[in-house]
Amino acid sequence: RFAKVEDIEIFPKDVAKSHTISPDASKQAYTKALKPYIDRSFTITLHPNGKKIDSYEFSKLLNDKIAIRFFIGGAYGFDDEFLNQSDVVLGLSELTMSH
């Protein structure tokens, strides 16, 4: 009612295959698959080592933003190249859940 939400799920074969190779291959595969979607929107990337914030900080982070994109990778997150292009890198918890 208050916002338009669009869910884009991207999981090419390269990403699935990379999990069997190594953590670095997984990070690179997610970066390659999602890099075209980083644009001028405010970007929040979820990453295992990202900053942990509370609900109040999160609401302040979203305040006055018109368009926001969330990027969710695999259990190993993204490589540094992708993280450096994100406006904010957050970690939700130490818990890793299977997709």
Protein backbone atom coordinates (compact mmCIF):
# COMPACT_ATOMS: atom_id res chain seq x y z
CA ARG A 1 0.00 0.00 0.00
CA PHE A 2 2.82 2.41 0.78
CA ALA A 3 5.44 1.18 -1.67
CA LYS A 4 5.95 -0.72 -4.88
CA VAL A 5 7.97 -3.86 -4.22
CA GLU A 6 9.60 -5.84 -7.00
CA ASP A 7 11.29 -9.15 -6.25
CA ILE A 8 13.89 -10.23 -8.81
CA GLU A 9 15.34 -13.68 -8.21
CA ILE A 10 18.57 -14.41 -10.06
CA PHE A 11 20.27 -17.78 -9.77
CA PRO A 12 22.12 -18.73 -12.96
CA LYS A 13 23.88 -22.07 -13.40
CA ASP A 14 27.25 -20.40 -12.73
CA VAL A 15 26.17 -19.55 -9.19
CA ALA A 16 24.96 -23.07 -8.45
CA LYS A 17 28.16 -24.58 -9.84
CA SER A 18 30.41 -22.15 -7.95
CA HIS A 19 29.27 -23.49 -4.57
CA THR A 20 30.95 -26.79 -5.38
CA ILE A 21 34.26 -25.10 -6.25
CA SER A 22 35.16 -22.72 -3.40
CA PRO A 23 33.94 -19.80 -1.27
CA ASP A 24 35.83 -17.35 -3.49
CA ALA A 25 34.23 -18.81 -6.62
CA SER A 26 30.83 -18.40 -4.97
CA LYS A 27 31.49 -14.74 -4.12
CA GLN A 28 32.66 -14.03 -7.67
CA ALA A 29 29.64 -15.77 -9.21
CA TYR A 30 27.18 -13.73 -7.14
CA THR A 31 29.04 -10.54 -7.97
CA LYS A 32 28.97 -11.32 -11.68
CA ALA A 33 25.26 -12.20 -11.62
CA LEU A 34 24.10 -9.17 -9.61
CA LYS A 35 26.54 -6.44 -10.69
CA PRO A 36 24.32 -5.31 -13.61
CA TYR A 37 21.58 -4.46 -11.10
CA ILE A 38 23.59 -1.92 -9.10
CA ASP A 39 22.40 1.45 -10.32
CA ARG A 40 21.73 4.88 -8.93
CA SER A 41 19.27 3.53 -6.38
CA PHE A 42 20.33 3.35 -2.75
CA THR A 43 21.85 -0.11 -2.40
CA ILE A 44 21.95 -2.29 0.70
CA THR A 45 23.95 -5.49 0.44
CA LEU A 46 23.50 -8.27 2.97
CA HIS A 47 26.84 -9.83 3.79
CA PRO A 48 28.02 -12.11 6.64
CA ASN A 49 30.57 -9.52 7.86
CA GLY A 50 28.31 -6.50 7.36
CA LYS A 51 27.48 -3.97 10.06
CA LYS A 52 24.86 -5.09 12.58
CA ILE A 53 22.25 -2.43 13.36
CA ASP A 54 19.02 -2.30 15.34
CA SER A 55 15.52 -1.47 14.10
CA TYR A 56 15.83 2.21 14.93
CA GLU A 57 19.10 2.57 12.99
CA PHE A 58 17.56 0.65 10.10
CA SER A 59 14.57 3.01 9.94
CA LYS A 60 16.93 6.02 9.97
CA LEU A 61 18.90 4.42 7.15
CA LEU A 62 15.79 4.14 4.98
CA ASN A 63 14.44 7.58 5.86
CA ASP A 64 14.07 9.88 2.82
CA LYS A 65 15.14 7.17 0.34
CA ILE A 66 12.95 6.97 -2.76
CA ALA A 67 14.34 3.81 -4.35
CA ILE A 68 16.20 1.07 -2.47
CA ARG A 69 17.72 -2.15 -3.74
CA PHE A 70 18.63 -5.03 -1.46
CA PHE A 71 21.22 -7.56 -2.61
CA ILE A 72 21.28 -10.98 -0.99
CA GLY A 73 24.04 -13.38 -1.94
CA GLY A 74 25.02 -16.82 -0.81
CA ALA A 75 26.44 -18.05 2.48
CA TYR A 76 29.86 -16.55 1.66
CA GLY A 77 28.52 -13.16 0.62
CA PHE A 78 30.08 -11.07 -2.14
CA ASP A 79 33.61 -10.16 -3.13
CA ASP A 80 35.09 -6.79 -2.16
CA GLU A 81 34.47 -5.27 -5.60
CA PHE A 82 30.71 -5.62 -5.16
CA LEU A 83 30.73 -4.52 -1.52
CA ASN A 84 32.64 -1.35 -2.42
CA GLN A 85 29.92 -0.40 -4.91
CA SER A 86 27.16 -0.77 -2.30
CA ASP A 87 25.99 2.19 -0.26
CA VAL A 88 25.59 0.10 2.89
CA VAL A 89 26.71 -3.42 3.80
CA LEU A 90 24.63 -5.03 6.55
CA GLY A 91 24.78 -8.33 8.37
CA LEU A 92 21.54 -9.60 9.84
CA SER A 93 23.09 -12.05 12.29
CA GLU A 94 25.77 -14.68 12.69
CA LEU A 95 23.23 -17.28 11.59
CA THR A 96 23.51 -18.63 8.03
CA MET A 97 20.40 -20.27 6.59
CA SER A 98 20.23 -22.41 3.52
CA HIS A 99 18.29 -20.85 0.66
